[in-house]
Amino acid sequence: MGFIRNFLAWLSVPLLCMLALPLYILRPFNPDNNRLLAIAMARTGRAILGMKRPLQGSEHMPQDRPVVAIANHQYNDDLFVVGDLVAPRTVTVGKSSLIWLPFFGQVFWLGGNVMLNRAHARKAIAAMQATSDAITRDDKSLWVFVEGTRSKGRGLQKFKKGAFYAAVTTGAPIVMVCTAEYRNKTLGWLGRREPVTIRILPPVETTGLTIEDVPALIARCHKEMSEAIAEIGRA
């Protein structure tokens, strides 16, 4: 039953993208399309999986100014766990190859998200600079799975620097979204997923910081996220 739930949850993703595509076409590159679709995906997926998602610190996600939200990344199912936590007018970063995924790739592109070609470092840097411009010019927020890859529940990995440069160069606060470690386990004969707890930490202000402050900022955020993940995992 757990396999069936998982299959149906992921089947809902292209179906919801297909239903959302007309909205994206009518409002191309409107970043708030992403938030609406992410909410629909997350809540639909959790309902199908039978997953509870206790949330702590929701008041720490600003709704009235651009932010750089960083989150740990464990599995593809993170979409269902954190998708409905994005701030208004949020864009995210993804591989350029995503555009070839039916329906999902098209709405990802039309949502104004940042497409990175990791095989071309200079292009990736240019894309992050464009994201910084979008935060400043268009009042967009940025969501980044800051490890750059899935950890599969093996602890918090080393952070990529791009999100921190974007935050410092724009003065946007960093909001840390911490997901308790989970390993795709199921419970009970119905295959319901274990609860996955989220804790959103208070924003870290970056106004007045410079590029030279980025290494210390990364170290601070990594420490605070590691401690929070460990704490909610023990609860």
Protein backbone atom coordinates (compact mmCIF):
# COMPACT_ATOMS: atom_id res chain seq x y z
CA MET A 1 0.00 0.00 0.00
CA GLY A 2 2.90 2.35 0.72
CA PHE A 3 4.17 1.95 -2.85
CA ILE A 4 0.70 2.72 -4.23
CA ARG A 5 0.43 5.85 -2.09
CA ASN A 6 3.82 7.03 -3.29
CA PHE A 7 2.96 6.34 -6.92
CA LEU A 8 -0.33 8.26 -6.64
CA ALA A 9 1.34 11.17 -4.86
CA TRP A 10 3.87 11.59 -7.64
CA LEU A 11 1.25 11.02 -10.31
CA SER A 12 -0.56 14.06 -8.90
CA VAL A 13 2.46 16.29 -9.69
CA PRO A 14 2.25 16.27 -13.52
CA LEU A 15 -1.55 16.31 -13.29
CA LEU A 16 -1.52 19.45 -11.15
CA CYS A 17 1.09 21.00 -13.44
CA MET A 18 -1.11 20.28 -16.44
CA LEU A 19 -4.08 21.92 -14.71
CA ALA A 20 -1.94 24.91 -13.71
CA LEU A 21 -0.38 25.42 -17.14
CA PRO A 22 -3.18 27.72 -18.43
CA LEU A 23 -2.65 30.00 -15.41
CA TYR A 24 1.08 30.13 -16.14
CA ILE A 25 0.39 30.94 -19.79
CA LEU A 26 -2.04 33.72 -18.82
CA ARG A 27 0.40 35.10 -16.23
CA PRO A 28 3.82 34.11 -17.62
CA PHE A 29 6.79 34.57 -15.30
CA ASN A 30 4.56 35.72 -12.44
CA PRO A 31 6.42 34.24 -9.44
CA ASP A 32 3.29 33.93 -7.31
CA ASN A 33 2.13 31.17 -9.66
CA ASN A 34 4.89 29.06 -8.08
CA ARG A 35 3.53 29.53 -4.56
CA LEU A 36 0.00 28.56 -5.52
CA LEU A 37 1.14 25.45 -7.37
CA ALA A 38 3.58 24.46 -4.60
CA ILE A 39 0.78 24.69 -2.03
CA ALA A 40 -1.47 22.49 -4.17
CA MET A 41 1.30 19.92 -4.74
CA ALA A 42 2.38 19.75 -1.10
CA ARG A 43 -1.07 19.44 0.40
CA THR A 44 -2.28 16.98 -2.22
CA GLY A 45 0.84 14.85 -1.82
CA ARG A 46 0.65 14.76 1.96
CA ALA A 47 -3.03 13.86 1.84
CA ILE A 48 -2.35 10.94 -0.48
CA LEU A 49 0.65 9.78 1.56
CA GLY A 50 -1.20 10.13 4.85
CA MET A 51 1.69 12.27 6.10
CA LYS A 52 1.47 14.70 8.99
CA ARG A 53 3.78 17.70 8.95
CA PRO A 54 4.09 19.40 12.36
CA LEU A 55 5.30 22.97 11.82
CA GLN A 56 7.22 25.12 14.29
CA GLY A 57 8.09 28.77 13.79
CA SER A 58 5.78 29.62 10.90
CA GLU A 59 5.77 33.23 12.12
CA HIS A 60 9.45 33.50 11.14
CA MET A 61 8.74 33.34 7.39
CA PRO A 62 8.25 37.00 6.31
CA GLN A 63 5.31 37.63 4.02
CA ASP A 64 5.93 41.29 3.27
CA ARG A 65 9.51 41.49 2.01
CA PRO A 66 11.90 39.44 -0.14
CA VAL A 67 13.80 36.69 1.64
CA VAL A 68 16.35 34.05 0.79
CA ALA A 69 14.96 30.81 2.23
CA ILE A 70 17.43 27.96 2.61
CA ALA A 71 16.37 24.39 3.37
CA ASN A 72 18.01 21.01 3.78
CA HIS A 73 17.29 18.52 1.00
CA GLN A 74 16.83 14.80 1.69
CA TYR A 75 14.54 13.24 -0.91
CA ASN A 76 12.38 14.25 -3.84
CA ASP A 77 9.47 13.93 -1.40
CA ASP A 78 10.68 17.20 0.17
CA LEU A 79 8.32 18.78 -2.36
CA PHE A 80 5.38 17.46 -0.35
CA VAL A 81 6.97 18.31 3.00
CA VAL A 82 7.92 21.96 2.45
CA GLY A 83 6.18 23.05 -0.75
CA ASP A 84 3.46 25.03 1.01
CA LEU A 85 5.93 27.04 3.11
CA VAL A 86 7.26 29.30 0.35
CA ALA A 87 6.89 33.04 0.78
CA PRO A 88 4.90 35.13 -1.74
CA ARG A 89 6.63 35.80 -5.07
CA THR A 90 9.18 33.03 -4.58
CA VAL A 91 11.41 31.62 -7.30
CA THR A 92 13.78 28.72 -6.92
CA VAL A 93 16.81 27.26 -8.61
CA GLY A 94 16.82 24.07 -10.68
CA LYS A 95 18.76 22.22 -13.33
CA SER A 96 18.19 23.39 -16.89
CA SER A 97 17.34 19.79 -17.80
CA LEU A 98 14.10 20.09 -15.81
CA ILE A 99 12.53 21.87 -18.75
CA TRP A 100 12.21 18.53 -20.55
CA LEU A 101 9.93 17.04 -17.88
CA PRO A 102 6.37 16.98 -19.21
CA PHE A 103 4.24 19.80 -17.78
CA PHE A 104 6.47 20.27 -14.69
CA GLY A 105 9.35 21.60 -16.75
CA GLN A 106 7.16 24.01 -18.64
CA VAL A 107 5.55 25.53 -15.53
CA PHE A 108 8.96 25.67 -13.85
CA TRP A 109 10.27 27.79 -16.71
CA LEU A 110 7.13 29.94 -16.98
CA GLY A 111 7.30 30.55 -13.24
CA GLY A 112 10.44 32.62 -13.75
CA ASN A 113 12.61 30.19 -11.81
CA VAL A 114 16.39 30.18 -12.25
CA MET A 115 17.62 27.46 -14.60
CA LEU A 116 21.22 26.44 -13.95
CA ASN A 117 23.45 24.55 -16.34
CA ARG A 118 25.91 23.05 -13.88
CA ALA A 119 28.22 22.01 -16.70
CA HIS A 120 28.91 25.70 -17.37
CA ALA A 121 30.09 27.39 -14.19
CA ARG A 122 30.18 30.89 -15.70
CA LYS A 123 26.58 30.60 -16.79
CA ALA A 124 25.60 29.38 -13.33
CA ILE A 125 27.30 32.40 -11.75
CA ALA A 126 25.53 34.70 -14.19
CA ALA A 127 22.20 33.08 -13.30
CA MET A 128 22.77 33.66 -9.59
CA GLN A 129 23.62 37.29 -10.33
CA ALA A 130 20.38 37.56 -12.28
CA THR A 131 18.57 36.15 -9.24
CA SER A 132 20.13 38.84 -7.06
CA ASP A 133 18.89 41.46 -9.51
CA ALA A 134 15.40 39.95 -9.42
CA ILE A 135 15.30 40.12 -5.61
CA THR A 136 16.23 43.79 -5.69
CA ARG A 137 14.33 44.90 -8.77
CA ASP A 138 11.22 42.70 -8.71
CA ASP A 139 10.79 42.05 -4.96
CA LYS A 140 11.12 38.32 -5.52
CA SER A 141 12.09 35.83 -2.82
CA LEU A 142 14.47 32.95 -3.43
CA TRP A 143 14.14 29.36 -2.19
CA VAL A 144 17.28 27.21 -2.29
CA PHE A 145 17.99 23.64 -1.20
CA VAL A 146 21.30 24.87 0.05
CA GLU A 147 23.25 21.58 0.00
CA GLY A 148 22.82 21.35 -3.75
CA THR A 149 22.05 17.62 -3.63
CA ARG A 150 19.94 15.12 -1.72
CA SER A 151 21.42 13.86 1.54
CA LYS A 152 19.01 10.88 1.82
CA GLY A 153 18.79 11.45 5.55
CA ARG A 154 22.54 11.14 6.13
CA GLY A 155 22.99 14.46 7.90
CA LEU A 156 23.42 18.03 6.77
CA GLN A 157 25.89 18.30 3.88
CA LYS A 158 28.25 21.12 2.98
CA PHE A 159 26.46 24.28 1.82
CA LYS A 160 26.74 25.83 -1.62
CA LYS A 161 27.61 29.53 -1.57
CA GLY A 162 25.23 31.00 -4.14
CA ALA A 163 22.26 31.67 -1.83
CA PHE A 164 24.48 33.50 0.65
CA TYR A 165 26.00 35.72 -2.01
CA ALA A 166 22.48 36.54 -3.23
CA ALA A 167 21.38 37.43 0.31
CA VAL A 168 24.42 39.59 1.09
CA THR A 169 24.42 41.48 -2.21
CA THR A 170 20.70 42.29 -1.90
CA GLY A 171 20.43 42.73 1.86
CA ALA A 172 17.63 40.15 1.99
CA PRO A 173 17.32 38.19 5.25
CA ILE A 174 18.10 34.48 5.29
CA VAL A 175 15.35 32.23 6.63
CA MET A 176 16.38 28.69 7.54
CA VAL A 177 13.80 25.93 6.99
CA CYS A 178 14.89 22.82 8.89
CA THR A 179 13.35 19.44 8.11
CA ALA A 180 13.77 16.57 10.55
CA GLU A 181 15.63 13.60 9.10
CA TYR A 182 13.38 11.00 7.55
CA ARG A 183 14.10 7.95 5.44
CA ASN A 184 10.95 7.42 3.39
CA LYS A 185 9.67 5.03 6.07
CA THR A 186 6.03 4.02 6.25
CA LEU A 187 3.92 3.08 9.24
CA GLY A 188 1.00 0.70 9.59
CA TRP A 189 -0.69 -1.59 7.16
CA LEU A 190 -2.03 1.36 5.18
CA GLY A 191 1.53 2.54 4.54
CA ARG A 192 1.04 5.99 6.02
CA ARG A 193 4.18 8.09 6.18
CA GLU A 194 5.76 9.02 9.50
CA PRO A 195 5.20 12.61 10.63
CA VAL A 196 7.98 14.91 9.42
CA THR A 197 8.58 17.95 11.61
CA ILE A 198 9.65 21.33 10.23
CA ARG A 199 11.19 24.19 12.18
CA ILE A 200 11.59 27.65 10.66
CA LEU A 201 14.29 29.65 12.42
CA PRO A 202 14.20 33.44 12.97
CA PRO A 203 15.50 35.45 10.00
CA VAL A 204 19.21 36.25 9.87
CA GLU A 205 19.59 39.84 8.71
CA THR A 206 22.28 40.52 6.13
CA THR A 207 22.08 44.30 5.86
CA GLY A 208 25.56 45.73 6.20
CA LEU A 209 27.32 42.46 5.46
CA THR A 210 29.84 42.18 2.62
CA ILE A 211 31.18 39.36 0.48
CA GLU A 212 33.98 38.92 3.00
CA ASP A 213 31.35 37.97 5.61
CA VAL A 214 29.95 35.09 3.55
CA PRO A 215 32.16 32.27 4.98
CA ALA A 216 31.22 33.20 8.57
CA LEU A 217 27.57 33.51 7.55
CA ILE A 218 27.63 30.04 5.99
CA ALA A 219 29.25 28.57 9.10
CA ARG A 220 26.67 30.21 11.37
CA CYS A 221 23.69 29.00 9.32
CA HIS A 222 25.10 25.47 9.02
CA LYS A 223 25.59 25.28 12.79
CA GLU A 224 22.13 26.62 13.62
CA MET A 225 20.42 24.32 11.10
CA SER A 226 22.37 21.27 12.28
CA GLU A 227 21.37 21.94 15.88
CA ALA A 228 17.73 22.52 14.99
CA ILE A 229 17.51 19.36 12.86
CA ALA A 230 19.05 17.29 15.64
CA GLU A 231 16.69 18.79 18.23
CA ILE A 232 13.47 18.22 16.32
CA GLY A 233 14.66 14.74 15.41
CA ARG A 234 14.89 13.83 19.09
CA ALA A 235 11.42 15.17 19.91
